[in-house]
């Protein structure tokens, strides 16, 4: 299992990949990269709490078991669904939809675990 720091680095990498893919019009894969940024962010948060979740199902269960993540659990599931729609259902995404997901759901989802980690590390 990768360390917390490796997951945090992967978050930044996946966000960069999402931006690069969006810049060339590959919005389906950009959304998938955003989902994996969210996944790595959640992995880092859960690992910091001593929770190991190695599958999508175990990760969802772990996220749902953390009261402080209740407000973003739905956003995580929605990003996963959008990623799966792109990959498995060949759903097409345009720039407006990608931008809305990145600045809306993803931005909201990514802020809370970062703030909670920061509070825990500084407190």
PDB file of N, CA and C in Angstrom:
ATOM      1  N   UNK A   1       0.851  -1.179   0.000  1.00  0.00           N
ATOM      2  CA  UNK A   1       0.000   0.000   0.000  1.00  0.00           C
ATOM      3  C   UNK A   1       0.895   1.240   0.000  1.00  0.00           C
ATOM      4  N   UNK A   2       0.692   2.141  -0.949  1.00  0.00           N
ATOM      5  CA  UNK A   2       1.491   3.380  -0.986  1.00  0.00           C
ATOM      6  C   UNK A   2       1.269   4.221   0.279  1.00  0.00           C
ATOM      7  N   UNK A   3       2.264   5.025   0.586  1.00  0.00           N
ATOM      8  CA  UNK A   3       2.199   5.889   1.759  1.00  0.00           C
ATOM      9  C   UNK A   3       1.248   7.065   1.537  1.00  0.00           C
ATOM     10  N   UNK A   4       0.963   7.769   2.615  1.00  0.00           N
ATOM     11  CA  UNK A   4       0.131   8.966   2.542  1.00  0.00           C
ATOM     12  C   UNK A   4       0.753   9.965   1.581  1.00  0.00           C
ATOM     13  N   UNK A   5       2.058  10.196   1.713  1.00  0.00           N
ATOM     14  CA  UNK A   5       2.734  11.173   0.850  1.00  0.00           C
ATOM     15  C   UNK A   5       2.668  10.789  -0.624  1.00  0.00           C
ATOM     16  N   UNK A   6       2.756   9.510  -0.919  1.00  0.00           N
ATOM     17  CA  UNK A   6       2.657   9.054  -2.310  1.00  0.00           C
ATOM     18  C   UNK A   6       1.255   9.346  -2.847  1.00  0.00           C
ATOM     19  N   UNK A   7       0.239   9.110  -2.038  1.00  0.00           N
ATOM     20  CA  UNK A   7      -1.135   9.409  -2.475  1.00  0.00           C
ATOM     21  C   UNK A   7      -1.324  10.906  -2.697  1.00  0.00           C
ATOM     22  N   UNK A   8      -0.764  11.729  -1.811  1.00  0.00           N
ATOM     23  CA  UNK A   8      -0.891  13.182  -1.963  1.00  0.00           C
ATOM     24  C   UNK A   8      -0.201  13.637  -3.248  1.00  0.00           C
ATOM     25  N   UNK A   9       0.971  13.099  -3.526  1.00  0.00           N
ATOM     26  CA  UNK A   9       1.672  13.420  -4.771  1.00  0.00           C
ATOM     27  C   UNK A   9       0.853  12.979  -5.972  1.00  0.00           C
ATOM     28  N   UNK A  10       0.205  11.829  -5.874  1.00  0.00           N
ATOM     29  CA  UNK A  10      -0.615  11.319  -6.967  1.00  0.00           C
ATOM     30  C   UNK A  10      -1.837  12.204  -7.207  1.00  0.00           C
ATOM     31  N   UNK A  11      -2.391  12.782  -6.150  1.00  0.00           N
ATOM     32  CA  UNK A  11      -3.506  13.727  -6.305  1.00  0.00           C
ATOM     33  C   UNK A  11      -3.077  14.856  -7.227  1.00  0.00           C
ATOM     34  N   UNK A  12      -1.927  15.449  -6.935  1.00  0.00           N
ATOM     35  CA  UNK A  12      -1.422  16.565  -7.738  1.00  0.00           C
ATOM     36  C   UNK A  12      -1.162  16.133  -9.176  1.00  0.00           C
ATOM     37  N   UNK A  13      -0.594  14.949  -9.348  1.00  0.00           N
ATOM     38  CA  UNK A  13      -0.329  14.428 -10.689  1.00  0.00           C
ATOM     39  C   UNK A  13      -1.645  14.242 -11.461  1.00  0.00           C
ATOM     40  N   UNK A  14      -2.638  13.622 -10.821  1.00  0.00           N
ATOM     41  CA  UNK A  14      -3.909  13.366 -11.492  1.00  0.00           C
ATOM     42  C   UNK A  14      -4.640  14.657 -11.835  1.00  0.00           C
ATOM     43  N   UNK A  15      -4.549  15.669 -10.973  1.00  0.00           N
ATOM     44  CA  UNK A  15      -5.148  16.968 -11.287  1.00  0.00           C
ATOM     45  C   UNK A  15      -4.471  17.585 -12.512  1.00  0.00           C
ATOM     46  N   UNK A  16      -3.155  17.454 -12.583  1.00  0.00           N
ATOM     47  CA  UNK A  16      -2.409  17.974 -13.733  1.00  0.00           C
ATOM     48  C   UNK A  16      -2.776  17.219 -15.009  1.00  0.00           C
ATOM     49  N   UNK A  17      -2.875  15.909 -14.906  1.00  0.00           N
ATOM     50  CA  UNK A  17      -3.278  15.092 -16.056  1.00  0.00           C
ATOM     51  C   UNK A  17      -4.677  15.494 -16.524  1.00  0.00           C
ATOM     52  N   UNK A  18      -5.590  15.708 -15.590  1.00  0.00           N
ATOM     53  CA  UNK A  18      -6.952  16.125 -15.951  1.00  0.00           C
ATOM     54  C   UNK A  18      -6.916  17.438 -16.727  1.00  0.00           C
ATOM     55  N   UNK A  19      -6.133  18.394 -16.257  1.00  0.00           N
ATOM     56  CA  UNK A  19      -6.022  19.680 -16.961  1.00  0.00           C
ATOM     57  C   UNK A  19      -5.442  19.503 -18.353  1.00  0.00           C
ATOM     58  N   UNK A  20      -4.409  18.683 -18.474  1.00  0.00           N
ATOM     59  CA  UNK A  20      -3.777  18.450 -19.781  1.00  0.00           C
ATOM     60  C   UNK A  20      -4.733  17.779 -20.747  1.00  0.00           C
ATOM     61  N   UNK A  21      -5.471  16.797 -20.263  1.00  0.00           N
ATOM     62  CA  UNK A  21      -6.438  16.104 -21.118  1.00  0.00           C
ATOM     63  C   UNK A  21      -7.573  17.033 -21.535  1.00  0.00           C
ATOM     64  N   UNK A  22      -8.038  17.856 -20.619  1.00  0.00           N
ATOM     65  CA  UNK A  22      -9.102  18.806 -20.951  1.00  0.00           C
ATOM     66  C   UNK A  22      -8.612  19.816 -21.989  1.00  0.00           C
ATOM     67  N   UNK A  23      -7.355  20.225 -21.884  1.00  0.00           N
ATOM     68  CA  UNK A  23      -6.808  21.220 -22.812  1.00  0.00           C
ATOM     69  C   UNK A  23      -6.799  20.719 -24.254  1.00  0.00           C
ATOM     70  N   UNK A  24      -6.760  19.399 -24.432  1.00  0.00           N
ATOM     71  CA  UNK A  24      -6.761  18.854 -25.791  1.00  0.00           C
ATOM     72  C   UNK A  24      -8.112  18.214 -26.143  1.00  0.00           C
ATOM     73  N   UNK A  25      -9.117  18.490 -25.314  1.00  0.00           N
ATOM     74  CA  UNK A  25     -10.476  18.075 -25.639  1.00  0.00           C
ATOM     75  C   UNK A  25     -10.864  16.664 -25.250  1.00  0.00           C
ATOM     76  N   UNK A  26     -10.065  16.000 -24.437  1.00  0.00           N
ATOM     77  CA  UNK A  26     -10.386  14.640 -23.988  1.00  0.00           C
ATOM     78  C   UNK A  26     -11.080  14.714 -22.623  1.00  0.00           C
ATOM     79  N   UNK A  27     -12.296  15.237 -22.636  1.00  0.00           N
ATOM     80  CA  UNK A  27     -13.001  15.520 -21.395  1.00  0.00           C
ATOM     81  C   UNK A  27     -13.432  14.257 -20.660  1.00  0.00           C
ATOM     82  N   UNK A  28     -13.691  13.165 -21.397  1.00  0.00           N
ATOM     83  CA  UNK A  28     -14.057  11.913 -20.750  1.00  0.00           C
ATOM     84  C   UNK A  28     -12.913  11.422 -19.870  1.00  0.00           C
ATOM     85  N   UNK A  29     -11.695  11.439 -20.396  1.00  0.00           N
ATOM     86  CA  UNK A  29     -10.538  10.995 -19.620  1.00  0.00           C
ATOM     87  C   UNK A  29     -10.132  12.025 -18.578  1.00  0.00           C
ATOM     88  N   UNK A  30     -10.404  13.294 -18.834  1.00  0.00           N
ATOM     89  CA  UNK A  30     -10.131  14.332 -17.839  1.00  0.00           C
ATOM     90  C   UNK A  30     -11.000  14.099 -16.596  1.00  0.00           C
ATOM     91  N   UNK A  31     -12.250  13.733 -16.814  1.00  0.00           N
ATOM     92  CA  UNK A  31     -13.140  13.448 -15.686  1.00  0.00           C
ATOM     93  C   UNK A  31     -12.672  12.200 -14.950  1.00  0.00           C
ATOM     94  N   UNK A  32     -12.194  11.219 -15.683  1.00  0.00           N
ATOM     95  CA  UNK A  32     -11.659  10.014 -15.055  1.00  0.00           C
ATOM     96  C   UNK A  32     -10.436  10.351 -14.206  1.00  0.00           C
ATOM     97  N   UNK A  33      -9.564  11.213 -14.705  1.00  0.00           N
ATOM     98  CA  UNK A  33      -8.389  11.638 -13.929  1.00  0.00           C
ATOM     99  C   UNK A  33      -8.819  12.382 -12.672  1.00  0.00           C
ATOM    100  N   UNK A  34      -9.868  13.193 -12.760  1.00  0.00           N
ATOM    101  CA  UNK A  34     -10.378  13.887 -11.566  1.00  0.00           C
ATOM    102  C   UNK A  34     -10.893  12.887 -10.535  1.00  0.00           C
ATOM    103  N   UNK A  35     -11.601  11.858 -11.009  1.00  0.00           N
ATOM    104  CA  UNK A  35     -12.068  10.843 -10.066  1.00  0.00           C
ATOM    105  C   UNK A  35     -10.886  10.200  -9.358  1.00  0.00           C
ATOM    106  N   UNK A  36      -9.829   9.874 -10.108  1.00  0.00           N
ATOM    107  CA  UNK A  36      -8.687   9.228  -9.467  1.00  0.00           C
ATOM    108  C   UNK A  36      -7.926  10.187  -8.561  1.00  0.00           C
ATOM    109  N   UNK A  37      -7.976  11.469  -8.835  1.00  0.00           N
ATOM    110  CA  UNK A  37      -7.419  12.443  -7.891  1.00  0.00           C
ATOM    111  C   UNK A  37      -8.222  12.378  -6.590  1.00  0.00           C
ATOM    112  N   UNK A  38      -9.550  12.315  -6.711  1.00  0.00           N
ATOM    113  CA  UNK A  38     -10.408  12.204  -5.526  1.00  0.00           C
ATOM    114  C   UNK A  38     -10.127  10.902  -4.779  1.00  0.00           C
ATOM    115  N   UNK A  39      -9.953   9.821  -5.510  1.00  0.00           N
ATOM    116  CA  UNK A  39      -9.659   8.532  -4.896  1.00  0.00           C
ATOM    117  C   UNK A  39      -8.372   8.615  -4.080  1.00  0.00           C
ATOM    118  N   UNK A  40      -7.317   9.167  -4.667  1.00  0.00           N
ATOM    119  CA  UNK A  40      -6.048   9.263  -3.944  1.00  0.00           C
ATOM    120  C   UNK A  40      -6.143  10.203  -2.749  1.00  0.00           C
ATOM    121  N   UNK A  41      -6.922  11.254  -2.879  1.00  0.00           N
ATOM    122  CA  UNK A  41      -7.141  12.163  -1.757  1.00  0.00           C
ATOM    123  C   UNK A  41      -7.830  11.431  -0.611  1.00  0.00           C
ATOM    124  N   UNK A  42      -8.837  10.648  -0.944  1.00  0.00           N
ATOM    125  CA  UNK A  42      -9.533   9.866   0.082  1.00  0.00           C
ATOM    126  C   UNK A  42      -8.623   8.806   0.684  1.00  0.00           C
ATOM    127  N   UNK A  43      -7.809   8.163  -0.164  1.00  0.00           N
ATOM    128  CA  UNK A  43      -6.883   7.162   0.345  1.00  0.00           C
ATOM    129  C   UNK A  43      -5.928   7.782   1.362  1.00  0.00           C
ATOM    130  N   UNK A  44      -5.381   8.949   1.044  1.00  0.00           N
ATOM    131  CA  UNK A  44      -4.457   9.625   1.963  1.00  0.00           C
ATOM    132  C   UNK A  44      -5.164   9.929   3.281  1.00  0.00           C
ATOM    133  N   UNK A  45      -6.385  10.447   3.177  1.00  0.00           N
ATOM    134  CA  UNK A  45      -7.139  10.794   4.385  1.00  0.00           C
ATOM    135  C   UNK A  45      -7.406   9.550   5.235  1.00  0.00           C
ATOM    136  N   UNK A  46      -7.880   8.488   4.595  1.00  0.00           N
ATOM    137  CA  UNK A  46      -8.192   7.266   5.331  1.00  0.00           C
ATOM    138  C   UNK A  46      -6.938   6.646   5.938  1.00  0.00           C
ATOM    139  N   UNK A  47      -5.856   6.620   5.191  1.00  0.00           N
ATOM    140  CA  UNK A  47      -4.606   6.069   5.724  1.00  0.00           C
ATOM    141  C   UNK A  47      -4.130   6.848   6.940  1.00  0.00           C
ATOM    142  N   UNK A  48      -4.298   8.148   6.896  1.00  0.00           N
ATOM    143  CA  UNK A  48      -3.904   8.974   8.035  1.00  0.00           C
ATOM    144  C   UNK A  48      -4.692   8.590   9.285  1.00  0.00           C
ATOM    145  N   UNK A  49      -5.899   8.097   9.083  1.00  0.00           N
ATOM    146  CA  UNK A  49      -6.738   7.645  10.204  1.00  0.00           C
ATOM    147  C   UNK A  49      -6.511   6.171  10.522  1.00  0.00           C
ATOM    148  N   UNK A  50      -5.564   5.540   9.823  1.00  0.00           N
ATOM    149  CA  UNK A  50      -5.260   4.136  10.066  1.00  0.00           C
ATOM    150  C   UNK A  50      -6.197   3.171   9.376  1.00  0.00           C
ATOM    151  N   UNK A  51      -6.936   3.645   8.386  1.00  0.00           N
ATOM    152  CA  UNK A  51      -7.904   2.808   7.668  1.00  0.00           C
ATOM    153  C   UNK A  51      -7.329   2.431   6.313  1.00  0.00           C
ATOM    154  N   UNK A  52      -7.246   1.131   6.054  1.00  0.00           N
ATOM    155  CA  UNK A  52      -6.763   0.629   4.777  1.00  0.00           C
ATOM    156  C   UNK A  52      -7.973   0.151   3.977  1.00  0.00           C
ATOM    157  N   UNK A  53      -8.146   0.727   2.802  1.00  0.00           N
ATOM    158  CA  UNK A  53      -9.275   0.375   1.931  1.00  0.00           C
ATOM    159  C   UNK A  53      -8.711   0.148   0.534  1.00  0.00           C
ATOM    160  N   UNK A  54      -8.556  -1.108   0.145  1.00  0.00           N
ATOM    161  CA  UNK A  54      -7.845  -1.431  -1.085  1.00  0.00           C
ATOM    162  C   UNK A  54      -8.727  -1.658  -2.308  1.00  0.00           C
ATOM    163  N   UNK A  55     -10.028  -1.587  -2.148  1.00  0.00           N
ATOM    164  CA  UNK A  55     -10.925  -1.748  -3.296  1.00  0.00           C
ATOM    165  C   UNK A  55     -11.916  -0.584  -3.310  1.00  0.00           C
ATOM    166  N   UNK A  56     -12.567  -0.402  -4.448  1.00  0.00           N
ATOM    167  CA  UNK A  56     -13.571   0.660  -4.529  1.00  0.00           C
ATOM    168  C   UNK A  56     -14.662   0.450  -3.477  1.00  0.00           C
ATOM    169  N   UNK A  57     -15.121  -0.774  -3.332  1.00  0.00           N
ATOM    170  CA  UNK A  57     -16.203  -1.058  -2.380  1.00  0.00           C
ATOM    171  C   UNK A  57     -15.753  -0.785  -0.944  1.00  0.00           C
ATOM    172  N   UNK A  58     -14.563  -1.226  -0.591  1.00  0.00           N
ATOM    173  CA  UNK A  58     -14.067  -0.992   0.772  1.00  0.00           C
ATOM    174  C   UNK A  58     -13.818   0.492   1.017  1.00  0.00           C
ATOM    175  N   UNK A  59     -13.375   1.198  -0.008  1.00  0.00           N
ATOM    176  CA  UNK A  59     -13.130   2.639   0.128  1.00  0.00           C
ATOM    177  C   UNK A  59     -14.449   3.376   0.340  1.00  0.00           C
ATOM    178  N   UNK A  60     -15.468   3.043  -0.449  1.00  0.00           N
ATOM    179  CA  UNK A  60     -16.783   3.674  -0.271  1.00  0.00           C
ATOM    180  C   UNK A  60     -17.318   3.405   1.132  1.00  0.00           C
ATOM    181  N   UNK A  61     -17.172   2.165   1.580  1.00  0.00           N
ATOM    182  CA  UNK A  61     -17.630   1.796   2.926  1.00  0.00           C
ATOM    183  C   UNK A  61     -16.870   2.605   3.982  1.00  0.00           C
ATOM    184  N   UNK A  62     -15.567   2.735   3.809  1.00  0.00           N
ATOM    185  CA  UNK A  62     -14.760   3.495   4.768  1.00  0.00           C
ATOM    186  C   UNK A  62     -15.133   4.970   4.768  1.00  0.00           C
ATOM    187  N   UNK A  63     -15.324   5.530   3.587  1.00  0.00           N
ATOM    188  CA  UNK A  63     -15.727   6.936   3.477  1.00  0.00           C
ATOM    189  C   UNK A  63     -17.073   7.131   4.170  1.00  0.00           C
ATOM    190  N   UNK A  64     -18.000   6.232   3.905  1.00  0.00           N
ATOM    191  CA  UNK A  64     -19.341   6.341   4.494  1.00  0.00           C
ATOM    192  C   UNK A  64     -19.337   6.147   6.009  1.00  0.00           C
ATOM    193  N   UNK A  65     -18.292   5.511   6.534  1.00  0.00           N
ATOM    194  CA  UNK A  65     -18.220   5.279   7.985  1.00  0.00           C
ATOM    195  C   UNK A  65     -17.618   6.458   8.742  1.00  0.00           C
ATOM    196  N   UNK A  66     -17.146   7.466   8.021  1.00  0.00           N
ATOM    197  CA  UNK A  66     -16.529   8.638   8.655  1.00  0.00           C
ATOM    198  C   UNK A  66     -17.525   9.795   8.671  1.00  0.00           C
ATOM    199  N   UNK A  67     -18.069  10.129   9.835  1.00  0.00           N
ATOM    200  CA  UNK A  67     -19.086  11.192   9.900  1.00  0.00           C
ATOM    201  C   UNK A  67     -18.612  12.519   9.306  1.00  0.00           C
ATOM    202  N   UNK A  68     -17.349  12.834   9.455  1.00  0.00           N
ATOM    203  CA  UNK A  68     -16.829  14.107   8.941  1.00  0.00           C
ATOM    204  C   UNK A  68     -16.783  14.146   7.416  1.00  0.00           C
ATOM    205  N   UNK A  69     -16.941  12.995   6.761  1.00  0.00           N
ATOM    206  CA  UNK A  69     -16.949  12.933   5.299  1.00  0.00           C
ATOM    207  C   UNK A  69     -18.362  12.803   4.725  1.00  0.00           C
ATOM    208  N   UNK A  70     -19.362  12.811   5.585  1.00  0.00           N
ATOM    209  CA  UNK A  70     -20.741  12.589   5.139  1.00  0.00           C
ATOM    210  C   UNK A  70     -21.167  13.578   4.062  1.00  0.00           C
ATOM    211  N   UNK A  71     -20.739  14.814   4.188  1.00  0.00           N
ATOM    212  CA  UNK A  71     -21.186  15.833   3.230  1.00  0.00           C
ATOM    213  C   UNK A  71     -20.550  15.684   1.854  1.00  0.00           C
ATOM    214  N   UNK A  72     -19.466  14.913   1.754  1.00  0.00           N
ATOM    215  CA  UNK A  72     -18.810  14.759   0.456  1.00  0.00           C
ATOM    216  C   UNK A  72     -18.885  13.341  -0.100  1.00  0.00           C
ATOM    217  N   UNK A  73     -19.419  12.419   0.667  1.00  0.00           N
ATOM    218  CA  UNK A  73     -19.531  11.032   0.213  1.00  0.00           C
ATOM    219  C   UNK A  73     -20.314  10.941  -1.095  1.00  0.00           C
ATOM    220  N   UNK A  74     -21.405  11.676  -1.175  1.00  0.00           N
ATOM    221  CA  UNK A  74     -22.242  11.676  -2.383  1.00  0.00           C
ATOM    222  C   UNK A  74     -21.455  12.208  -3.583  1.00  0.00           C
ATOM    223  N   UNK A  75     -20.627  13.223  -3.358  1.00  0.00           N
ATOM    224  CA  UNK A  75     -19.832  13.804  -4.449  1.00  0.00           C
ATOM    225  C   UNK A  75     -18.807  12.793  -4.961  1.00  0.00           C
ATOM    226  N   UNK A  76     -18.186  12.062  -4.052  1.00  0.00           N
ATOM    227  CA  UNK A  76     -17.217  11.033  -4.437  1.00  0.00           C
ATOM    228  C   UNK A  76     -17.898   9.970  -5.304  1.00  0.00           C
ATOM    229  N   UNK A  77     -19.051   9.499  -4.855  1.00  0.00           N
ATOM    230  CA  UNK A  77     -19.785   8.485  -5.612  1.00  0.00           C
ATOM    231  C   UNK A  77     -20.199   9.019  -6.981  1.00  0.00           C
ATOM    232  N   UNK A  78     -20.620  10.275  -7.028  1.00  0.00           N
ATOM    233  CA  UNK A  78     -21.024  10.873  -8.295  1.00  0.00           C
ATOM    234  C   UNK A  78     -19.840  10.965  -9.258  1.00  0.00           C
ATOM    235  N   UNK A  79     -18.663  11.359  -8.761  1.00  0.00           N
ATOM    236  CA  UNK A  79     -17.481  11.413  -9.635  1.00  0.00           C
ATOM    237  C   UNK A  79     -17.108  10.020 -10.136  1.00  0.00           C
ATOM    238  N   UNK A  80     -17.215   9.028  -9.265  1.00  0.00           N
ATOM    239  CA  UNK A  80     -16.937   7.658  -9.687  1.00  0.00           C
ATOM    240  C   UNK A  80     -17.911   7.235 -10.782  1.00  0.00           C
ATOM    241  N   UNK A  81     -19.176   7.550 -10.607  1.00  0.00           N
ATOM    242  CA  UNK A  81     -20.188   7.200 -11.607  1.00  0.00           C
ATOM    243  C   UNK A  81     -19.904   7.893 -12.938  1.00  0.00           C
ATOM    244  N   UNK A  82     -19.550   9.173 -12.896  1.00  0.00           N
ATOM    245  CA  UNK A  82     -19.233   9.896 -14.130  1.00  0.00           C
ATOM    246  C   UNK A  82     -18.026   9.269 -14.828  1.00  0.00           C
ATOM    247  N   UNK A  83     -17.023   8.892 -14.067  1.00  0.00           N
ATOM    248  CA  UNK A  83     -15.845   8.222 -14.632  1.00  0.00           C
ATOM    249  C   UNK A  83     -16.232   6.891 -15.271  1.00  0.00           C
ATOM    250  N   UNK A  84     -17.063   6.125 -14.583  1.00  0.00           N
ATOM    251  CA  UNK A  84     -17.515   4.845 -15.131  1.00  0.00           C
ATOM    252  C   UNK A  84     -18.375   5.052 -16.374  1.00  0.00           C
ATOM    253  N   UNK A  85     -19.210   6.082 -16.373  1.00  0.00           N
ATOM    254  CA  UNK A  85     -20.013   6.374 -17.562  1.00  0.00           C
ATOM    255  C   UNK A  85     -19.119   6.672 -18.760  1.00  0.00           C
ATOM    256  N   UNK A  86     -18.050   7.418 -18.534  1.00  0.00           N
ATOM    257  CA  UNK A  86     -17.115   7.733 -19.617  1.00  0.00           C
ATOM    258  C   UNK A  86     -16.410   6.472 -20.112  1.00  0.00           C
ATOM    259  N   UNK A  87     -15.953   5.649 -19.189  1.00  0.00           N
ATOM    260  CA  UNK A  87     -15.153   4.482 -19.560  1.00  0.00           C
ATOM    261  C   UNK A  87     -15.978   3.312 -20.066  1.00  0.00           C
ATOM    262  N   UNK A  88     -17.090   3.020 -19.423  1.00  0.00           N
ATOM    263  CA  UNK A  88     -17.824   1.809 -19.754  1.00  0.00           C
ATOM    264  C   UNK A  88     -19.031   2.041 -20.652  1.00  0.00           C
ATOM    265  N   UNK A  89     -19.632   3.212 -20.547  1.00  0.00           N
ATOM    266  CA  UNK A  89     -20.832   3.503 -21.333  1.00  0.00           C
ATOM    267  C   UNK A  89     -20.557   4.432 -22.509  1.00  0.00           C
ATOM    268  N   UNK A  90     -19.277   4.755 -22.713  1.00  0.00           N
ATOM    269  CA  UNK A  90     -18.845   5.615 -23.832  1.00  0.00           C
ATOM    270  C   UNK A  90     -19.579   6.951 -23.840  1.00  0.00           C
ATOM    271  N   UNK A  91     -19.926   7.427 -22.654  1.00  0.00           N
ATOM    272  CA  UNK A  91     -20.599   8.722 -22.556  1.00  0.00           C
ATOM    273  C   UNK A  91     -19.612   9.833 -22.888  1.00  0.00           C
ATOM    274  N   UNK A  92     -20.053  10.787 -23.658  1.00  0.00           N
ATOM    275  CA  UNK A  92     -19.212  11.917 -24.060  1.00  0.00           C
ATOM    276  C   UNK A  92     -19.439  13.091 -23.120  1.00  0.00           C
ATOM    277  N   UNK A  93     -18.391  13.807 -22.848  1.00  0.00           N
ATOM    278  CA  UNK A  93     -18.443  14.982 -21.993  1.00  0.00           C
ATOM    279  C   UNK A  93     -17.879  16.161 -22.770  1.00  0.00           C
ATOM    280  N   UNK A  94     -18.482  17.321 -22.565  1.00  0.00           N
ATOM    281  CA  UNK A  94     -17.967  18.514 -23.225  1.00  0.00           C
ATOM    282  C   UNK A  94     -17.238  19.392 -22.203  1.00  0.00           C
ATOM    283  N   UNK A  95     -16.668  20.467 -22.706  1.00  0.00           N
ATOM    284  CA  UNK A  95     -15.878  21.341 -21.838  1.00  0.00           C
ATOM    285  C   UNK A  95     -16.714  21.916 -20.701  1.00  0.00           C
ATOM    286  N   UNK A  96     -17.931  22.314 -20.999  1.00  0.00           N
ATOM    287  CA  UNK A  96     -18.783  22.909 -19.969  1.00  0.00           C
ATOM    288  C   UNK A  96     -19.053  21.921 -18.831  1.00  0.00           C
ATOM    289  N   UNK A  97     -19.325  20.683 -19.185  1.00  0.00           N
ATOM    290  CA  UNK A  97     -19.611  19.672 -18.156  1.00  0.00           C
ATOM    291  C   UNK A  97     -18.368  19.358 -17.335  1.00  0.00           C
ATOM    292  N   UNK A  98     -17.217  19.239 -18.015  1.00  0.00           N
ATOM    293  CA  UNK A  98     -15.956  19.010 -17.300  1.00  0.00           C
ATOM    294  C   UNK A  98     -15.674  20.169 -16.342  1.00  0.00           C
ATOM    295  N   UNK A  99     -15.793  21.386 -16.849  1.00  0.00           N
ATOM    296  CA  UNK A  99     -15.503  22.564 -16.033  1.00  0.00           C
ATOM    297  C   UNK A  99     -16.437  22.631 -14.829  1.00  0.00           C
ATOM    298  N   UNK A 100     -17.707  22.314 -15.043  1.00  0.00           N
ATOM    299  CA  UNK A 100     -18.670  22.323 -13.943  1.00  0.00           C
ATOM    300  C   UNK A 100     -18.305  21.282 -12.887  1.00  0.00           C
ATOM    301  N   UNK A 101     -17.908  20.086 -13.319  1.00  0.00           N
ATOM    302  CA  UNK A 101     -17.520  19.041 -12.372  1.00  0.00           C
ATOM    303  C   UNK A 101     -16.249  19.427 -11.610  1.00  0.00           C
ATOM    304  N   UNK A 102     -15.289  19.988 -12.323  1.00  0.00           N
ATOM    305  CA  UNK A 102     -14.015  20.338 -11.674  1.00  0.00           C
ATOM    306  C   UNK A 102     -14.189  21.488 -10.687  1.00  0.00           C
ATOM    307  N   UNK A 103     -14.907  22.531 -11.093  1.00  0.00           N
ATOM    308  CA  UNK A 103     -15.047  23.689 -10.218  1.00  0.00           C
ATOM    309  C   UNK A 103     -16.172  23.525  -9.200  1.00  0.00           C
ATOM    310  N   UNK A 104     -17.029  22.562  -9.421  1.00  0.00           N
ATOM    311  CA  UNK A 104     -18.145  22.309  -8.512  1.00  0.00           C
ATOM    312  C   UNK A 104     -17.875  21.124  -7.601  1.00  0.00           C
ATOM    313  N   UNK A 105     -18.314  19.966  -8.049  1.00  0.00           N
ATOM    314  CA  UNK A 105     -18.232  18.759  -7.226  1.00  0.00           C
ATOM    315  C   UNK A 105     -16.805  18.421  -6.798  1.00  0.00           C
ATOM    316  N   UNK A 106     -15.870  18.418  -7.741  1.00  0.00           N
ATOM    317  CA  UNK A 106     -14.502  18.054  -7.372  1.00  0.00           C
ATOM    318  C   UNK A 106     -13.891  19.079  -6.413  1.00  0.00           C
ATOM    319  N   UNK A 107     -14.083  20.359  -6.681  1.00  0.00           N
ATOM    320  CA  UNK A 107     -13.517  21.396  -5.806  1.00  0.00           C
ATOM    321  C   UNK A 107     -14.077  21.263  -4.391  1.00  0.00           C
ATOM    322  N   UNK A 108     -15.364  21.031  -4.283  1.00  0.00           N
ATOM    323  CA  UNK A 108     -15.992  20.858  -2.969  1.00  0.00           C
ATOM    324  C   UNK A 108     -15.454  19.619  -2.289  1.00  0.00           C
ATOM    325  N   UNK A 109     -15.420  18.510  -3.019  1.00  0.00           N
ATOM    326  CA  UNK A 109     -14.943  17.253  -2.458  1.00  0.00           C
ATOM    327  C   UNK A 109     -13.488  17.356  -2.020  1.00  0.00           C
ATOM    328  N   UNK A 110     -12.655  17.993  -2.806  1.00  0.00           N
ATOM    329  CA  UNK A 110     -11.214  18.005  -2.504  1.00  0.00           C
ATOM    330  C   UNK A 110     -10.854  18.962  -1.372  1.00  0.00           C
ATOM    331  N   UNK A 111     -11.685  19.924  -1.106  1.00  0.00           N
ATOM    332  CA  UNK A 111     -11.365  20.902  -0.062  1.00  0.00           C
ATOM    333  C   UNK A 111     -11.473  20.311   1.337  1.00  0.00           C
ATOM    334  N   UNK A 112     -12.534  19.589   1.620  1.00  0.00           N
ATOM    335  CA  UNK A 112     -12.766  19.124   2.986  1.00  0.00           C
ATOM    336  C   UNK A 112     -11.684  18.170   3.504  1.00  0.00           C
ATOM    337  N   UNK A 113     -11.293  17.111   2.792  1.00  0.00           N
ATOM    338  CA  UNK A 113     -10.236  16.243   3.336  1.00  0.00           C
ATOM    339  C   UNK A 113      -8.913  16.993   3.521  1.00  0.00           C
ATOM    340  N   UNK A 114      -8.615  17.927   2.618  1.00  0.00           N
ATOM    341  CA  UNK A 114      -7.386  18.706   2.776  1.00  0.00           C
ATOM    342  C   UNK A 114      -7.445  19.554   4.038  1.00  0.00           C
ATOM    343  N   UNK A 115      -8.580  20.182   4.288  1.00  0.00           N
ATOM    344  CA  UNK A 115      -8.724  20.992   5.495  1.00  0.00           C
ATOM    345  C   UNK A 115      -8.661  20.135   6.748  1.00  0.00           C
ATOM    346  N   UNK A 116      -9.308  18.974   6.732  1.00  0.00           N
ATOM    347  CA  UNK A 116      -9.275  18.081   7.886  1.00  0.00           C
ATOM    348  C   UNK A 116      -7.864  17.571   8.153  1.00  0.00           C
ATOM    349  N   UNK A 117      -7.137  17.226   7.085  1.00  0.00           N
ATOM    350  CA  UNK A 117      -5.743  16.778   7.246  1.00  0.00           C
ATOM    351  C   UNK A 117      -4.900  17.906   7.819  1.00  0.00           C
ATOM    352  N   UNK A 118      -5.090  19.126   7.326  1.00  0.00           N
ATOM    353  CA  UNK A 118      -4.316  20.278   7.777  1.00  0.00           C
ATOM    354  C   UNK A 118      -4.600  20.541   9.260  1.00  0.00           C
ATOM    355  N   UNK A 119      -5.870  20.504   9.653  1.00  0.00           N
ATOM    356  CA  UNK A 119      -6.239  20.720  11.046  1.00  0.00           C
ATOM    357  C   UNK A 119      -5.593  19.674  11.942  1.00  0.00           C
ATOM    358  N   UNK A 120      -5.614  18.420  11.519  1.00  0.00           N
ATOM    359  CA  UNK A 120      -5.052  17.337  12.313  1.00  0.00           C
ATOM    360  C   UNK A 120      -3.537  17.484  12.419  1.00  0.00           C
ATOM    361  N   UNK A 121      -2.890  17.879  11.316  1.00  0.00           N
ATOM    362  CA  UNK A 121      -1.438  18.021  11.317  1.00  0.00           C
ATOM    363  C   UNK A 121      -0.963  19.241  12.091  1.00  0.00           C
ATOM    364  N   UNK A 122      -1.804  20.282  12.159  1.00  0.00           N
ATOM    365  CA  UNK A 122      -1.427  21.507  12.868  1.00  0.00           C
ATOM    366  C   UNK A 122      -1.940  21.551  14.296  1.00  0.00           C
ATOM    367  N   UNK A 123      -2.830  20.624  14.630  1.00  0.00           N
ATOM    368  CA  UNK A 123      -3.457  20.673  15.955  1.00  0.00           C
ATOM    369  C   UNK A 123      -2.852  19.794  16.918  1.00  0.00           C
TER     370      UNK A 123
END
